[in-house]
Amino acid sequence: MDIASRRIRLERERIRSDLLSRAPALERRLTETSSGSLVASVPGGDAIEVGRLPVGGATSWVVVERRGSRIRVLPCRSARQVVDTVLSGLRAVHAA
């Protein structure tokens, strides 16, 4: 595993840890996919997903909110912003 991959893995683990620290109820609903993204299931079969996508010429963390047929992709500048964005999305659907 190269240095960049290790850094991304460590950031993902920090995001997971911070999410569970701030919202312990996520323990059963937060899973890691085979691609390495984190998915928090929400009521109604929807989900909030954390992953990495190309944004503006670089690969960045994004939070993807899936609600029914609507999908929102929210770019984040830091791991802290990822956590805040996920928790805000969960509060919006009363799942945090």
N, C-alpha and C. Protein backbone atom coordinates (compact mmCIF):
# COMPACT_ATOMS: atom_id res chain seq x y z
N MET A 1 0.85 -1.18 0.00
CA MET A 1 0.00 0.00 0.00
C MET A 1 0.90 1.24 0.00
N ASP A 2 0.63 2.16 -0.93
CA ASP A 2 1.46 3.36 -1.01
C ASP A 2 1.05 4.39 0.05
N ILE A 3 1.82 5.45 0.14
CA ILE A 3 1.61 6.47 1.18
C ILE A 3 0.24 7.14 1.03
N ALA A 4 -0.15 7.48 -0.20
CA ALA A 4 -1.45 8.14 -0.42
C ALA A 4 -2.59 7.23 0.01
N SER A 5 -2.50 5.95 -0.31
CA SER A 5 -3.56 5.00 0.08
C SER A 5 -3.65 4.87 1.59
N ARG A 6 -2.49 4.84 2.25
CA ARG A 6 -2.49 4.77 3.72
C ARG A 6 -3.12 6.01 4.34
N ARG A 7 -2.80 7.18 3.76
CA ARG A 7 -3.36 8.44 4.27
C ARG A 7 -4.88 8.44 4.13
N ILE A 8 -5.36 8.00 2.98
CA ILE A 8 -6.81 7.95 2.75
C ILE A 8 -7.47 6.98 3.73
N ARG A 9 -6.85 5.83 3.92
CA ARG A 9 -7.39 4.83 4.86
C ARG A 9 -7.45 5.39 6.28
N LEU A 10 -6.39 6.08 6.69
CA LEU A 10 -6.37 6.69 8.03
C LEU A 10 -7.44 7.76 8.17
N GLU A 11 -7.61 8.58 7.12
CA GLU A 11 -8.66 9.61 7.15
C GLU A 11 -10.04 8.97 7.26
N ARG A 12 -10.27 7.89 6.49
CA ARG A 12 -11.56 7.20 6.54
C ARG A 12 -11.81 6.64 7.94
N GLU A 13 -10.79 6.07 8.56
CA GLU A 13 -10.94 5.53 9.92
C GLU A 13 -11.21 6.66 10.91
N ARG A 14 -10.58 7.80 10.71
CA ARG A 14 -10.83 8.96 11.59
C ARG A 14 -12.27 9.45 11.42
N ILE A 15 -12.74 9.50 10.18
CA ILE A 15 -14.13 9.90 9.92
C ILE A 15 -15.07 8.94 10.62
N ARG A 16 -14.84 7.65 10.45
CA ARG A 16 -15.69 6.62 11.08
C ARG A 16 -15.69 6.79 12.60
N SER A 17 -14.51 6.93 13.17
CA SER A 17 -14.37 7.07 14.61
C SER A 17 -15.08 8.33 15.12
N ASP A 18 -14.91 9.44 14.42
CA ASP A 18 -15.55 10.69 14.83
C ASP A 18 -17.07 10.60 14.71
N LEU A 19 -17.56 9.95 13.65
CA LEU A 19 -19.01 9.76 13.50
C LEU A 19 -19.57 8.96 14.67
N LEU A 20 -18.90 7.86 15.00
CA LEU A 20 -19.40 7.00 16.09
C LEU A 20 -19.25 7.67 17.45
N SER A 21 -18.24 8.50 17.59
CA SER A 21 -18.07 9.24 18.84
C SER A 21 -19.19 10.25 19.05
N ARG A 22 -19.57 10.92 17.97
CA ARG A 22 -20.60 11.96 18.08
C ARG A 22 -22.01 11.42 17.93
N ALA A 23 -22.15 10.23 17.34
CA ALA A 23 -23.49 9.63 17.15
C ALA A 23 -23.37 8.12 17.34
N PRO A 24 -23.24 7.66 18.60
CA PRO A 24 -23.05 6.24 18.88
C PRO A 24 -24.13 5.34 18.29
N ALA A 25 -25.33 5.87 18.07
CA ALA A 25 -26.42 5.06 17.51
C ALA A 25 -26.11 4.59 16.08
N LEU A 26 -25.10 5.18 15.46
CA LEU A 26 -24.74 4.76 14.09
C LEU A 26 -24.01 3.42 14.04
N GLU A 27 -23.59 2.92 15.19
CA GLU A 27 -22.78 1.70 15.24
C GLU A 27 -23.33 0.58 14.35
N ARG A 28 -24.61 0.33 14.41
CA ARG A 28 -25.21 -0.77 13.62
C ARG A 28 -25.51 -0.38 12.18
N ARG A 29 -25.59 0.92 11.90
CA ARG A 29 -26.02 1.35 10.57
C ARG A 29 -24.89 1.85 9.69
N LEU A 30 -23.69 1.95 10.21
CA LEU A 30 -22.56 2.46 9.44
C LEU A 30 -21.73 1.28 8.95
N THR A 31 -21.66 1.12 7.64
CA THR A 31 -20.91 0.01 7.06
C THR A 31 -19.90 0.53 6.05
N GLU A 32 -18.90 -0.30 5.79
CA GLU A 32 -17.90 0.02 4.78
C GLU A 32 -18.15 -0.87 3.58
N THR A 33 -18.19 -0.28 2.39
CA THR A 33 -18.42 -1.04 1.18
C THR A 33 -17.10 -1.63 0.67
N SER A 34 -17.20 -2.49 -0.32
CA SER A 34 -16.00 -3.09 -0.90
C SER A 34 -15.09 -2.05 -1.55
N SER A 35 -15.67 -0.92 -1.95
CA SER A 35 -14.86 0.14 -2.57
C SER A 35 -14.22 1.05 -1.51
N GLY A 36 -14.58 0.85 -0.24
CA GLY A 36 -14.00 1.64 0.83
C GLY A 36 -14.84 2.82 1.28
N SER A 37 -15.99 3.02 0.66
CA SER A 37 -16.85 4.12 1.12
C SER A 37 -17.58 3.70 2.39
N LEU A 38 -18.00 4.69 3.16
CA LEU A 38 -18.80 4.44 4.37
C LEU A 38 -20.25 4.77 4.05
N VAL A 39 -21.17 3.91 4.47
CA VAL A 39 -22.59 4.13 4.19
C VAL A 39 -23.37 4.06 5.49
N ALA A 40 -24.14 5.12 5.75
CA ALA A 40 -25.04 5.16 6.89
C ALA A 40 -26.46 5.02 6.35
N SER A 41 -27.12 3.93 6.72
CA SER A 41 -28.50 3.75 6.27
C SER A 41 -29.42 4.63 7.10
N VAL A 42 -30.48 5.12 6.46
CA VAL A 42 -31.46 5.96 7.13
C VAL A 42 -32.85 5.39 6.88
N PRO A 43 -33.83 5.79 7.68
CA PRO A 43 -35.18 5.25 7.51
C PRO A 43 -35.69 5.40 6.08
N GLY A 44 -36.46 4.43 5.65
CA GLY A 44 -37.05 4.47 4.32
C GLY A 44 -36.16 3.88 3.24
N GLY A 45 -35.04 3.28 3.62
CA GLY A 45 -34.16 2.66 2.64
C GLY A 45 -33.16 3.62 2.00
N ASP A 46 -33.16 4.86 2.42
CA ASP A 46 -32.22 5.84 1.88
C ASP A 46 -30.88 5.69 2.59
N ALA A 47 -29.89 6.48 2.16
CA ALA A 47 -28.56 6.36 2.75
C ALA A 47 -27.78 7.65 2.58
N ILE A 48 -26.78 7.78 3.43
CA ILE A 48 -25.79 8.84 3.30
C ILE A 48 -24.45 8.13 3.17
N GLU A 49 -23.74 8.45 2.10
CA GLU A 49 -22.49 7.75 1.79
C GLU A 49 -21.32 8.72 1.79
N VAL A 50 -20.19 8.25 2.32
CA VAL A 50 -18.96 9.02 2.34
C VAL A 50 -17.96 8.32 1.43
N GLY A 51 -17.42 9.05 0.48
CA GLY A 51 -16.45 8.47 -0.42
C GLY A 51 -15.55 9.53 -1.00
N ARG A 52 -14.80 9.13 -2.00
CA ARG A 52 -13.88 10.06 -2.66
C ARG A 52 -14.22 10.10 -4.13
N LEU A 53 -14.28 11.31 -4.67
CA LEU A 53 -14.57 11.53 -6.09
C LEU A 53 -13.67 12.63 -6.64
N PRO A 54 -13.44 12.60 -7.95
CA PRO A 54 -12.70 13.71 -8.54
C PRO A 54 -13.54 14.99 -8.48
N VAL A 55 -12.97 16.03 -7.90
CA VAL A 55 -13.65 17.33 -7.80
C VAL A 55 -12.62 18.40 -8.13
N GLY A 56 -12.86 19.15 -9.19
CA GLY A 56 -11.97 20.25 -9.56
C GLY A 56 -10.54 19.83 -9.82
N GLY A 57 -10.33 18.69 -10.45
CA GLY A 57 -8.98 18.26 -10.80
C GLY A 57 -8.26 17.47 -9.73
N ALA A 58 -8.85 17.33 -8.55
CA ALA A 58 -8.25 16.54 -7.47
C ALA A 58 -9.31 15.58 -6.94
N THR A 59 -8.86 14.59 -6.22
CA THR A 59 -9.79 13.66 -5.60
C THR A 59 -10.07 14.14 -4.18
N SER A 60 -11.36 14.31 -3.86
CA SER A 60 -11.75 14.86 -2.57
C SER A 60 -12.80 14.00 -1.91
N TRP A 61 -12.94 14.18 -0.60
CA TRP A 61 -14.02 13.54 0.13
C TRP A 61 -15.34 14.18 -0.27
N VAL A 62 -16.35 13.36 -0.42
CA VAL A 62 -17.70 13.84 -0.70
C VAL A 62 -18.69 13.09 0.17
N VAL A 63 -19.81 13.74 0.44
CA VAL A 63 -20.92 13.09 1.12
C VAL A 63 -22.05 13.05 0.09
N VAL A 64 -22.58 11.85 -0.12
CA VAL A 64 -23.67 11.66 -1.08
C VAL A 64 -24.92 11.32 -0.30
N GLU A 65 -25.93 12.16 -0.43
CA GLU A 65 -27.22 11.93 0.24
C GLU A 65 -28.19 11.36 -0.78
N ARG A 66 -28.70 10.15 -0.51
CA ARG A 66 -29.71 9.53 -1.37
C ARG A 66 -31.02 9.51 -0.61
N ARG A 67 -31.99 10.24 -1.14
CA ARG A 67 -33.34 10.28 -0.54
C ARG A 67 -34.34 10.08 -1.66
N GLY A 68 -34.93 8.89 -1.68
CA GLY A 68 -35.85 8.58 -2.76
C GLY A 68 -35.11 8.63 -4.08
N SER A 69 -35.64 9.37 -5.03
CA SER A 69 -34.98 9.48 -6.33
C SER A 69 -34.00 10.65 -6.39
N ARG A 70 -33.88 11.39 -5.29
CA ARG A 70 -32.96 12.54 -5.23
C ARG A 70 -31.58 12.13 -4.74
N ILE A 71 -30.58 12.66 -5.40
CA ILE A 71 -29.19 12.43 -4.98
C ILE A 71 -28.48 13.77 -4.94
N ARG A 72 -27.84 14.04 -3.79
CA ARG A 72 -27.04 15.26 -3.67
C ARG A 72 -25.60 14.87 -3.37
N VAL A 73 -24.67 15.45 -4.10
CA VAL A 73 -23.25 15.22 -3.85
C VAL A 73 -22.68 16.50 -3.24
N LEU A 74 -22.15 16.37 -2.03
CA LEU A 74 -21.65 17.52 -1.28
C LEU A 74 -20.14 17.38 -1.08
N PRO A 75 -19.33 18.14 -1.83
CA PRO A 75 -17.88 18.08 -1.64
C PRO A 75 -17.49 18.62 -0.27
N CYS A 76 -16.47 18.02 0.33
CA CYS A 76 -16.00 18.43 1.65
C CYS A 76 -14.50 18.70 1.59
N ARG A 77 -14.07 19.72 2.31
CA ARG A 77 -12.65 20.11 2.29
C ARG A 77 -11.82 19.39 3.35
N SER A 78 -12.48 18.79 4.34
CA SER A 78 -11.73 18.15 5.43
C SER A 78 -12.54 16.99 6.01
N ALA A 79 -11.85 16.16 6.77
CA ALA A 79 -12.54 15.05 7.45
C ALA A 79 -13.57 15.60 8.43
N ARG A 80 -13.25 16.68 9.09
CA ARG A 80 -14.20 17.28 10.04
C ARG A 80 -15.46 17.74 9.32
N GLN A 81 -15.30 18.35 8.14
CA GLN A 81 -16.46 18.79 7.38
C GLN A 81 -17.30 17.59 6.93
N VAL A 82 -16.64 16.48 6.61
CA VAL A 82 -17.38 15.26 6.24
C VAL A 82 -18.27 14.84 7.40
N VAL A 83 -17.70 14.77 8.59
CA VAL A 83 -18.46 14.35 9.77
C VAL A 83 -19.62 15.30 10.03
N ASP A 84 -19.36 16.59 10.00
CA ASP A 84 -20.42 17.57 10.23
C ASP A 84 -21.53 17.45 9.19
N THR A 85 -21.16 17.23 7.93
CA THR A 85 -22.13 17.12 6.85
C THR A 85 -22.98 15.86 7.00
N VAL A 86 -22.35 14.75 7.35
CA VAL A 86 -23.10 13.50 7.56
C VAL A 86 -24.09 13.67 8.71
N LEU A 87 -23.62 14.22 9.83
CA LEU A 87 -24.50 14.38 10.99
C LEU A 87 -25.64 15.35 10.70
N SER A 88 -25.37 16.39 9.95
CA SER A 88 -26.43 17.32 9.55
C SER A 88 -27.47 16.61 8.68
N GLY A 89 -27.00 15.79 7.75
CA GLY A 89 -27.92 15.04 6.90
C GLY A 89 -28.75 14.05 7.69
N LEU A 90 -28.14 13.40 8.68
CA LEU A 90 -28.88 12.45 9.52
C LEU A 90 -29.92 13.17 10.38
N ARG A 91 -29.55 14.33 10.90
CA ARG A 91 -30.52 15.09 11.69
C ARG A 91 -31.71 15.52 10.82
N ALA A 92 -31.43 15.84 9.57
CA ALA A 92 -32.50 16.28 8.67
C ALA A 92 -33.54 15.19 8.45
N VAL A 93 -33.13 13.94 8.56
CA VAL A 93 -34.09 12.83 8.40
C VAL A 93 -34.35 12.15 9.75
N HIS A 94 -33.94 12.81 10.83
CA HIS A 94 -34.18 12.33 12.19
C HIS A 94 -33.61 10.93 12.41
N ALA A 95 -32.37 10.71 11.90
CA ALA A 95 -31.76 9.39 12.02
C ALA A 95 -30.49 9.41 12.87
N ALA A 96 -30.18 10.56 13.47
CA ALA A 96 -28.95 10.63 14.29
C ALA A 96 -29.28 10.45 15.76
